[in-house]
Amino acid sequence: MFKRIILPFLILLSVVTAVFTMDSKTATAEEVVDLEEVVNSEEVVVDSEEVINSEENVEVDSEEVTPYFVNDFRYRKVNVKTYNEWSDYKRASDNITTGKGGGSITATKSVTFGTDVSGAIDGLGISTSKSITSSIGYTLNADPNKTVYMGYRVYYKVETGTREYYDLVTGKVLKSNSYTVKVPQHGEFKLITAK
């Protein structure tokens, strides 16, 4: 029953649409509108007080205009200081005791120094992914009659400062904390006397 009604309805709808489309095209082609017949220039009234002259200074009440920010709060770093320093040594080999002729020692352990962070640094855009790892197999010559081991350390670039969370509109600081970030730049081996 439903199918019997739908098919005639669709055919009727197609015919009606085609007739209206042809009729509107014909009417558009036959009608040419003269603007002077539609709008009489004597009837148009413009209130000059409502027109804003771009050369005039326009004052806007600041209470009516309120800035809107999607995220009104930001992090920033202040009182930033940078310097460089060496880390402490980490053991990279076992002890060796040399005789009168001296000897050599080889790194048998790899040690890794990563970026060292103290304090919260979220929101400051500081990368903490850099690390340096010593290589196994590096060899140094040892002096005679010594008990030594091989140590490895890195040279850090250090940044210290204060992280502030502040209101972007008012500039008011809502919270702050101190931070220190040490990023390893390069490393070195050294013979260290065993105790």
Protein backbone atom coordinates (compact mmCIF):
# COMPACT_ATOMS: atom_id res chain seq x y z
CA MET A 1 0.00 0.00 0.00
CA PHE A 2 2.78 2.42 0.96
CA LYS A 3 4.66 1.69 -2.30
CA ARG A 4 1.51 2.44 -4.35
CA ILE A 5 1.27 5.92 -2.83
CA ILE A 6 4.98 6.81 -3.04
CA LEU A 7 5.45 6.24 -6.79
CA PRO A 8 2.57 8.50 -7.94
CA PHE A 9 3.65 11.14 -5.42
CA LEU A 10 7.22 11.20 -6.77
CA ILE A 11 5.98 11.47 -10.37
CA LEU A 12 3.64 14.34 -9.45
CA LEU A 13 6.44 16.13 -7.55
CA SER A 14 8.79 15.86 -10.56
CA VAL A 15 6.19 17.31 -12.94
CA VAL A 16 5.33 20.22 -10.62
CA THR A 17 9.02 21.06 -10.11
CA ALA A 18 9.65 21.07 -13.86
CA VAL A 19 6.66 23.37 -14.51
CA PHE A 20 7.72 25.90 -11.85
CA THR A 21 11.30 25.91 -13.09
CA MET A 22 10.26 26.63 -16.69
CA ASP A 23 7.78 29.30 -15.55
CA SER A 24 10.36 31.15 -13.42
CA LYS A 25 12.92 31.15 -16.28
CA THR A 26 10.35 32.60 -18.66
CA ALA A 27 9.32 35.29 -16.19
CA THR A 28 12.93 36.30 -15.56
CA ALA A 29 13.66 36.62 -19.25
CA GLU A 30 10.53 38.72 -19.92
CA GLU A 31 10.85 41.09 -16.94
CA VAL A 32 13.29 43.98 -17.11
CA VAL A 33 13.16 46.23 -14.08
CA ASP A 34 13.77 49.95 -14.33
CA LEU A 35 15.25 51.11 -11.02
CA GLU A 36 13.77 54.60 -11.40
CA GLU A 37 10.30 53.04 -11.37
CA VAL A 38 11.04 51.15 -8.17
CA VAL A 39 12.84 53.84 -6.12
CA ASN A 40 12.10 57.51 -6.34
CA SER A 41 15.24 59.47 -5.44
CA GLU A 42 13.11 62.23 -3.87
CA GLU A 43 11.67 59.75 -1.36
CA VAL A 44 15.07 58.64 -0.02
CA VAL A 45 15.94 60.43 3.24
CA VAL A 46 19.35 60.13 4.93
CA ASP A 47 19.80 61.35 8.50
CA SER A 48 23.24 62.99 8.45
CA GLU A 49 23.66 62.53 12.20
CA GLU A 50 23.55 58.76 11.76
CA VAL A 51 26.40 58.74 9.22
CA ILE A 52 29.87 58.40 10.78
CA ASN A 53 32.55 60.45 9.11
CA SER A 54 35.81 58.48 9.01
CA GLU A 55 37.82 61.67 9.46
CA GLU A 56 36.20 62.45 12.81
CA ASN A 57 37.51 61.06 16.09
CA VAL A 58 35.00 58.56 17.38
CA GLU A 59 35.03 57.98 21.13
CA VAL A 60 34.08 54.59 22.51
CA ASP A 61 33.18 54.10 26.14
CA SER A 62 35.76 51.63 27.52
CA GLU A 63 33.11 50.11 29.78
CA GLU A 64 31.19 49.00 26.69
CA VAL A 65 34.18 47.20 25.13
CA THR A 66 35.53 44.19 26.98
CA PRO A 67 38.38 42.10 25.55
CA TYR A 68 37.73 38.39 25.43
CA PHE A 69 40.50 35.82 25.40
CA VAL A 70 40.07 32.10 24.88
CA ASN A 71 42.72 31.37 27.51
CA ASP A 72 43.28 34.31 29.86
CA PHE A 73 46.18 32.69 31.74
CA ARG A 74 49.76 32.03 30.66
CA TYR A 75 53.09 30.84 32.04
CA ARG A 76 56.23 32.92 31.69
CA LYS A 77 59.77 32.82 33.01
CA VAL A 78 61.35 35.79 34.80
CA ASN A 79 64.66 36.48 36.57
CA VAL A 80 66.39 34.04 34.20
CA LYS A 81 70.12 33.39 34.67
CA THR A 82 72.31 31.03 32.64
CA TYR A 83 75.74 29.60 33.37
CA ASN A 84 77.77 26.42 32.79
CA GLU A 85 79.07 23.81 35.23
CA TRP A 86 80.56 20.32 35.30
CA SER A 87 78.71 17.39 36.84
CA ASP A 88 80.22 14.96 39.33
CA TYR A 89 81.98 11.90 37.91
CA LYS A 90 80.22 8.57 37.49
CA ARG A 91 82.19 5.33 37.46
CA ALA A 92 82.76 3.92 33.96
CA SER A 93 85.13 1.02 34.80
CA ASP A 94 86.40 -1.27 37.53
CA ASN A 95 89.59 -0.49 39.47
CA ILE A 96 92.97 -1.26 37.95
CA THR A 97 96.32 -1.35 39.77
CA THR A 98 99.34 -0.60 37.62
CA GLY A 99 102.92 -1.78 38.11
CA LYS A 100 106.22 0.03 37.52
CA GLY A 101 105.56 0.34 33.81
CA GLY A 102 102.11 1.88 34.17
CA GLY A 103 99.21 0.53 32.16
CA SER A 104 95.98 1.32 30.38
CA ILE A 105 92.38 1.17 31.46
CA THR A 106 89.27 0.80 29.31
CA ALA A 107 85.70 1.93 29.98
CA THR A 108 83.60 -1.18 30.62
CA LYS A 109 80.35 0.53 31.64
CA SER A 110 78.28 3.17 29.89
CA VAL A 111 76.88 5.97 32.02
CA THR A 112 74.10 8.34 31.04
CA PHE A 113 73.49 11.92 32.07
CA GLY A 114 70.05 13.30 31.25
CA THR A 115 68.56 16.74 31.57
CA ASP A 116 68.28 17.50 35.28
CA VAL A 117 65.20 19.50 36.38
CA SER A 118 64.26 20.84 39.79
CA GLY A 119 61.00 22.74 40.22
CA ALA A 120 57.99 22.79 37.90
CA ILE A 121 58.64 23.94 34.32
CA ASP A 122 55.34 23.04 32.60
CA GLY A 123 54.20 25.73 30.18
CA LEU A 124 57.66 27.26 29.66
CA GLY A 125 58.53 25.33 26.49
CA ILE A 126 61.77 23.91 27.88
CA SER A 127 62.87 20.59 26.38
CA THR A 128 63.98 17.90 28.81
CA SER A 129 64.76 15.16 26.30
CA LYS A 130 68.51 15.67 25.78
CA SER A 131 70.92 13.14 27.29
CA ILE A 132 74.53 12.04 26.78
CA THR A 133 75.82 8.47 27.21
CA SER A 134 79.49 7.52 27.52
CA SER A 135 80.91 4.92 25.17
CA ILE A 136 82.27 1.52 26.18
CA GLY A 137 85.78 0.76 24.97
CA TYR A 138 87.36 4.19 25.46
CA THR A 139 90.93 3.74 26.77
CA LEU A 140 93.23 5.93 28.90
CA ASN A 141 96.85 5.39 29.97
CA ALA A 142 97.51 5.17 33.72
CA ASP A 143 100.65 6.22 35.61
CA PRO A 144 102.89 3.58 37.26
CA ASN A 145 102.06 2.15 40.70
CA LYS A 146 98.50 3.54 40.91
CA THR A 147 95.08 2.10 41.66
CA VAL A 148 92.61 4.00 39.50
CA TYR A 149 89.26 3.74 37.77
CA MET A 150 87.77 5.61 34.84
CA GLY A 151 85.14 8.26 35.53
CA TYR A 152 82.88 10.18 33.15
CA ARG A 153 81.24 13.59 33.62
CA VAL A 154 79.30 16.08 31.50
CA TYR A 155 79.35 19.82 30.98
CA TYR A 156 75.94 21.31 31.76
CA LYS A 157 74.30 24.46 30.45
CA VAL A 158 72.26 25.62 33.46
CA GLU A 159 69.21 27.88 33.47
CA THR A 160 67.63 29.13 36.68
CA GLY A 161 64.66 31.41 37.11
CA THR A 162 61.12 31.86 38.31
CA ARG A 163 58.06 30.42 36.57
CA GLU A 164 54.98 32.63 36.91
CA TYR A 165 51.35 31.79 36.15
CA TYR A 166 49.66 35.11 35.40
CA ASP A 167 46.46 36.69 34.12
CA LEU A 168 47.02 37.87 30.55
CA VAL A 169 44.48 40.69 30.86
CA THR A 170 45.44 42.20 34.22
CA GLY A 171 49.06 41.02 34.47
CA LYS A 172 48.43 39.75 38.02
CA VAL A 173 50.64 36.81 39.06
CA LEU A 174 48.51 33.99 40.48
CA LYS A 175 51.31 31.61 41.48
CA SER A 176 55.05 31.20 40.99
CA ASN A 177 57.91 28.79 41.67
CA SER A 178 61.68 28.64 41.25
CA TYR A 179 63.19 26.21 38.75
CA THR A 180 66.61 24.97 37.60
CA VAL A 181 67.27 23.09 34.37
CA LYS A 182 70.64 21.49 33.58
CA VAL A 183 71.10 20.34 29.97
CA PRO A 184 74.19 18.21 29.15
CA GLN A 185 76.35 19.62 26.31
CA HIS A 186 79.33 17.21 26.08
CA GLY A 187 81.30 14.86 28.31
CA GLU A 188 84.81 13.72 29.23
CA PHE A 189 86.62 10.73 30.76
CA LYS A 190 89.18 11.01 33.56
CA LEU A 191 91.29 8.66 35.64
CA ILE A 192 90.29 8.84 39.31
CA THR A 193 92.41 7.50 42.16
CA ALA A 194 90.57 4.73 44.00
CA LYS A 195 90.23 5.12 47.76
